[in-house]
Amino acid sequence: MPSLFPESAQPTPGNWITAHCDGGARGNPGPAGYGAVLTDASGQLLAELSEFLGHRTNNFAEYSGLLGCLQYALDHGIRNLRVVSDSELMVKQIQGKYKVKSPDLLPLWQEARRRIAQLDRFEIAHALRHKNKAADRLANQAMDKGTARGAE
């Protein structure tokens, strides 16, 4: 498969890729989607990801954003991934600071941990919503597309 990275942005073992991800649901549960923006160490845009998820909860959408970033990293040979999310619950569950009590979230958490284990290095951090605007915009676009709001 050909690389999607420009020659100057080829990931190397020491490079960190940063992924800002966000998920949301209108109504919670309701029409849900996620968005993510991945950049290289110099801040160059590598990818924008978004997906409509159907009728889901906000937390499901947040985890879907993380899983999307992790899968992108694995598919593109990224070994060092730093994720930034405005979901304090998800971040603290992935960090092991909170237990995963929801039976709906447990398989998502388990899959995230499985994907994380395939990376060389992984970090996840919580950011306030205003620091995650690009990912939030993509999540809202995904929800708009899925509910035909964007077609108007």
C-alpha atoms as a PDB file:
ATOM      1  CA  MET A   1       0.000   0.000   0.000  1.00  0.00           C
ATOM      2  CA  PRO A   2       1.495   3.393  -0.914  1.00  0.00           C
ATOM      3  CA  SER A   3       2.245   5.795   1.922  1.00  0.00           C
ATOM      4  CA  LEU A   4      -0.216   8.598   2.551  1.00  0.00           C
ATOM      5  CA  PHE A   5       2.527  10.747   4.067  1.00  0.00           C
ATOM      6  CA  PRO A   6       4.421  13.289   1.999  1.00  0.00           C
ATOM      7  CA  GLU A   7       8.106  12.318   1.796  1.00  0.00           C
ATOM      8  CA  SER A   8       9.008  15.040   4.339  1.00  0.00           C
ATOM      9  CA  ALA A   9       6.451  13.740   6.842  1.00  0.00           C
ATOM     10  CA  GLN A  10       7.438  10.059   6.885  1.00  0.00           C
ATOM     11  CA  PRO A  11       7.166   8.905  10.492  1.00  0.00           C
ATOM     12  CA  THR A  12      10.391   7.774  12.098  1.00  0.00           C
ATOM     13  CA  PRO A  13      10.755   5.723  15.283  1.00  0.00           C
ATOM     14  CA  GLY A  14      11.363   8.782  17.472  1.00  0.00           C
ATOM     15  CA  ASN A  15       8.612  10.960  16.040  1.00  0.00           C
ATOM     16  CA  TRP A  16       5.416  11.563  17.943  1.00  0.00           C
ATOM     17  CA  ILE A  17       2.168  11.982  16.066  1.00  0.00           C
ATOM     18  CA  THR A  18      -0.533  13.961  17.870  1.00  0.00           C
ATOM     19  CA  ALA A  19      -4.196  13.124  17.467  1.00  0.00           C
ATOM     20  CA  HIS A  20      -6.913  15.453  18.736  1.00  0.00           C
ATOM     21  CA  CYS A  21     -10.153  13.471  18.890  1.00  0.00           C
ATOM     22  CA  ASP A  22     -13.699  14.250  19.903  1.00  0.00           C
ATOM     23  CA  GLY A  23     -17.029  12.481  19.890  1.00  0.00           C
ATOM     24  CA  GLY A  24     -20.535  13.618  20.506  1.00  0.00           C
ATOM     25  CA  ALA A  25     -24.170  12.600  20.525  1.00  0.00           C
ATOM     26  CA  ARG A  26     -27.147  14.884  20.115  1.00  0.00           C
ATOM     27  CA  GLY A  27     -29.613  13.822  22.766  1.00  0.00           C
ATOM     28  CA  ASN A  28     -27.247  11.353  24.453  1.00  0.00           C
ATOM     29  CA  PRO A  29     -28.133   8.843  23.240  1.00  0.00           C
ATOM     30  CA  GLY A  30     -28.875  10.222  19.827  1.00  0.00           C
ATOM     31  CA  PRO A  31     -27.277  10.792  16.458  1.00  0.00           C
ATOM     32  CA  ALA A  32     -23.560  10.421  17.171  1.00  0.00           C
ATOM     33  CA  GLY A  33     -20.247  10.945  15.435  1.00  0.00           C
ATOM     34  CA  TYR A  34     -16.573  11.491  16.006  1.00  0.00           C
ATOM     35  CA  GLY A  35     -13.856  13.607  14.510  1.00  0.00           C
ATOM     36  CA  ALA A  36     -10.082  13.587  14.765  1.00  0.00           C
ATOM     37  CA  VAL A  37      -7.150  15.607  13.492  1.00  0.00           C
ATOM     38  CA  LEU A  38      -3.683  14.026  13.307  1.00  0.00           C
ATOM     39  CA  THR A  39      -0.537  16.115  12.983  1.00  0.00           C
ATOM     40  CA  ASP A  40       3.168  15.364  12.894  1.00  0.00           C
ATOM     41  CA  ALA A  41       5.782  16.738  15.290  1.00  0.00           C
ATOM     42  CA  SER A  42       6.055  19.974  13.288  1.00  0.00           C
ATOM     43  CA  GLY A  43       2.288  20.497  13.317  1.00  0.00           C
ATOM     44  CA  GLN A  44       1.768  19.474   9.690  1.00  0.00           C
ATOM     45  CA  LEU A  45      -1.675  17.982   9.065  1.00  0.00           C
ATOM     46  CA  LEU A  46      -1.520  14.256   8.325  1.00  0.00           C
ATOM     47  CA  ALA A  47      -5.206  13.316   8.381  1.00  0.00           C
ATOM     48  CA  GLU A  48      -8.708  14.353   9.316  1.00  0.00           C
ATOM     49  CA  LEU A  49     -11.008  11.519  10.351  1.00  0.00           C
ATOM     50  CA  SER A  50     -14.761  11.597  10.942  1.00  0.00           C
ATOM     51  CA  GLU A  51     -17.569   9.091  11.031  1.00  0.00           C
ATOM     52  CA  PHE A  52     -21.302   9.060  11.717  1.00  0.00           C
ATOM     53  CA  LEU A  53     -22.024   6.316  14.258  1.00  0.00           C
ATOM     54  CA  GLY A  54     -25.804   6.098  14.234  1.00  0.00           C
ATOM     55  CA  HIS A  55     -27.836   6.319  17.448  1.00  0.00           C
ATOM     56  CA  ARG A  56     -25.226   6.104  20.233  1.00  0.00           C
ATOM     57  CA  THR A  57     -24.135   7.705  23.494  1.00  0.00           C
ATOM     58  CA  ASN A  58     -21.609  10.488  23.857  1.00  0.00           C
ATOM     59  CA  ASN A  59     -19.150   8.153  25.605  1.00  0.00           C
ATOM     60  CA  PHE A  60     -19.459   5.585  22.797  1.00  0.00           C
ATOM     61  CA  ALA A  61     -18.635   8.363  20.319  1.00  0.00           C
ATOM     62  CA  GLU A  62     -15.627   9.506  22.370  1.00  0.00           C
ATOM     63  CA  TYR A  63     -14.233   5.962  22.434  1.00  0.00           C
ATOM     64  CA  SER A  64     -14.931   5.592  18.708  1.00  0.00           C
ATOM     65  CA  GLY A  65     -12.768   8.659  18.087  1.00  0.00           C
ATOM     66  CA  LEU A  66      -9.922   7.141  20.069  1.00  0.00           C
ATOM     67  CA  LEU A  67     -10.289   3.810  18.273  1.00  0.00           C
ATOM     68  CA  GLY A  68     -10.267   5.603  14.916  1.00  0.00           C
ATOM     69  CA  CYS A  69      -7.007   7.361  15.800  1.00  0.00           C
ATOM     70  CA  LEU A  70      -5.419   4.150  17.029  1.00  0.00           C
ATOM     71  CA  GLN A  71      -6.440   2.258  13.897  1.00  0.00           C
ATOM     72  CA  TYR A  72      -5.111   5.037  11.672  1.00  0.00           C
ATOM     73  CA  ALA A  73      -1.794   4.868  13.534  1.00  0.00           C
ATOM     74  CA  LEU A  74      -1.568   1.099  13.161  1.00  0.00           C
ATOM     75  CA  ASP A  75      -2.542   1.189   9.483  1.00  0.00           C
ATOM     76  CA  HIS A  76       0.081   3.841   8.675  1.00  0.00           C
ATOM     77  CA  GLY A  77       3.072   2.581  10.632  1.00  0.00           C
ATOM     78  CA  ILE A  78       2.862   5.231  13.345  1.00  0.00           C
ATOM     79  CA  ARG A  79       4.664   3.884  16.403  1.00  0.00           C
ATOM     80  CA  ASN A  80       4.403   6.844  18.823  1.00  0.00           C
ATOM     81  CA  LEU A  81       0.964   8.347  19.337  1.00  0.00           C
ATOM     82  CA  ARG A  82      -0.106  11.144  21.640  1.00  0.00           C
ATOM     83  CA  VAL A  83      -3.905  11.564  21.923  1.00  0.00           C
ATOM     84  CA  VAL A  84      -5.668  14.659  23.215  1.00  0.00           C
ATOM     85  CA  SER A  85      -9.362  14.427  24.102  1.00  0.00           C
ATOM     86  CA  ASP A  86     -11.870  16.561  25.977  1.00  0.00           C
ATOM     87  CA  SER A  87     -13.469  13.421  27.466  1.00  0.00           C
ATOM     88  CA  GLU A  88     -12.164  13.287  31.010  1.00  0.00           C
ATOM     89  CA  LEU A  89     -13.950   9.966  31.596  1.00  0.00           C
ATOM     90  CA  MET A  90     -12.354   8.232  28.618  1.00  0.00           C
ATOM     91  CA  VAL A  91      -8.889   9.675  29.271  1.00  0.00           C
ATOM     92  CA  LYS A  92      -8.903   8.614  32.922  1.00  0.00           C
ATOM     93  CA  GLN A  93     -10.258   5.157  32.056  1.00  0.00           C
ATOM     94  CA  ILE A  94      -7.495   4.625  29.492  1.00  0.00           C
ATOM     95  CA  GLN A  95      -4.918   5.889  32.006  1.00  0.00           C
ATOM     96  CA  GLY A  96      -6.264   3.399  34.560  1.00  0.00           C
ATOM     97  CA  LYS A  97      -7.341   6.123  37.000  1.00  0.00           C
ATOM     98  CA  TYR A  98     -11.062   5.290  36.624  1.00  0.00           C
ATOM     99  CA  LYS A  99     -12.622   1.845  36.374  1.00  0.00           C
ATOM    100  CA  VAL A 100     -14.788   1.017  33.370  1.00  0.00           C
ATOM    101  CA  LYS A 101     -18.138   0.251  34.947  1.00  0.00           C
ATOM    102  CA  SER A 102     -20.359   0.492  31.867  1.00  0.00           C
ATOM    103  CA  PRO A 103     -20.901  -2.842  30.105  1.00  0.00           C
ATOM    104  CA  ASP A 104     -21.345  -0.857  26.862  1.00  0.00           C
ATOM    105  CA  LEU A 105     -17.935   0.808  27.179  1.00  0.00           C
ATOM    106  CA  LEU A 106     -15.947  -2.190  28.420  1.00  0.00           C
ATOM    107  CA  PRO A 107     -15.464  -3.806  24.970  1.00  0.00           C
ATOM    108  CA  LEU A 108     -14.424  -0.420  23.530  1.00  0.00           C
ATOM    109  CA  TRP A 109     -11.918   0.059  26.365  1.00  0.00           C
ATOM    110  CA  GLN A 110     -10.588  -3.469  25.832  1.00  0.00           C
ATOM    111  CA  GLU A 111     -10.158  -2.877  22.094  1.00  0.00           C
ATOM    112  CA  ALA A 112      -8.421   0.451  22.738  1.00  0.00           C
ATOM    113  CA  ARG A 113      -6.004  -1.234  25.154  1.00  0.00           C
ATOM    114  CA  ARG A 114      -5.332  -3.991  22.575  1.00  0.00           C
ATOM    115  CA  ARG A 115      -4.492  -1.408  19.905  1.00  0.00           C
ATOM    116  CA  ILE A 116      -2.397   0.689  22.293  1.00  0.00           C
ATOM    117  CA  ALA A 117      -0.320  -2.403  23.136  1.00  0.00           C
ATOM    118  CA  GLN A 118       0.713  -2.614  19.469  1.00  0.00           C
ATOM    119  CA  LEU A 119       2.355   0.834  19.574  1.00  0.00           C
ATOM    120  CA  ASP A 120       5.859   1.544  20.846  1.00  0.00           C
ATOM    121  CA  ARG A 121       4.776   4.570  22.864  1.00  0.00           C
ATOM    122  CA  PHE A 122       1.380   6.027  23.733  1.00  0.00           C
ATOM    123  CA  GLU A 123       0.213   9.000  25.743  1.00  0.00           C
ATOM    124  CA  ILE A 124      -3.264  10.347  26.329  1.00  0.00           C
ATOM    125  CA  ALA A 125      -4.160  13.686  27.870  1.00  0.00           C
ATOM    126  CA  HIS A 126      -7.295  15.599  28.728  1.00  0.00           C
ATOM    127  CA  ALA A 127      -7.819  19.054  27.239  1.00  0.00           C
ATOM    128  CA  LEU A 128     -10.624  21.493  27.748  1.00  0.00           C
ATOM    129  CA  ARG A 129     -13.123  21.644  24.916  1.00  0.00           C
ATOM    130  CA  HIS A 130     -11.882  24.959  23.518  1.00  0.00           C
ATOM    131  CA  LYS A 131      -8.471  23.336  22.903  1.00  0.00           C
ATOM    132  CA  ASN A 132     -10.075  20.632  20.749  1.00  0.00           C
ATOM    133  CA  LYS A 133     -12.031  22.753  18.246  1.00  0.00           C
ATOM    134  CA  ALA A 134     -10.914  21.118  14.994  1.00  0.00           C
ATOM    135  CA  ALA A 135     -11.875  17.616  16.190  1.00  0.00           C
ATOM    136  CA  ASP A 136     -15.174  18.970  17.563  1.00  0.00           C
ATOM    137  CA  ARG A 137     -15.933  20.539  14.161  1.00  0.00           C
ATOM    138  CA  LEU A 138     -15.323  17.209  12.408  1.00  0.00           C
ATOM    139  CA  ALA A 139     -17.499  15.328  14.927  1.00  0.00           C
ATOM    140  CA  ASN A 140     -20.335  17.787  14.323  1.00  0.00           C
ATOM    141  CA  GLN A 141     -19.908  17.473  10.552  1.00  0.00           C
ATOM    142  CA  ALA A 142     -20.216  13.689  10.883  1.00  0.00           C
ATOM    143  CA  MET A 143     -23.425  14.068  12.921  1.00  0.00           C
ATOM    144  CA  ASP A 144     -24.780  16.594  10.405  1.00  0.00           C
ATOM    145  CA  LYS A 145     -24.052  14.241   7.502  1.00  0.00           C
ATOM    146  CA  GLY A 146     -25.654  11.304   9.277  1.00  0.00           C
ATOM    147  CA  THR A 147     -28.803  13.232  10.079  1.00  0.00           C
ATOM    148  CA  ALA A 148     -28.928  15.006   6.661  1.00  0.00           C
ATOM    149  CA  ARG A 149     -28.574  18.393   8.347  1.00  0.00           C
ATOM    150  CA  GLY A 150     -25.519  19.135   6.243  1.00  0.00           C
ATOM    151  CA  ALA A 151     -27.475  18.567   3.013  1.00  0.00           C
ATOM    152  CA  GLU A 152     -29.717  21.590   3.520  1.00  0.00           C
END
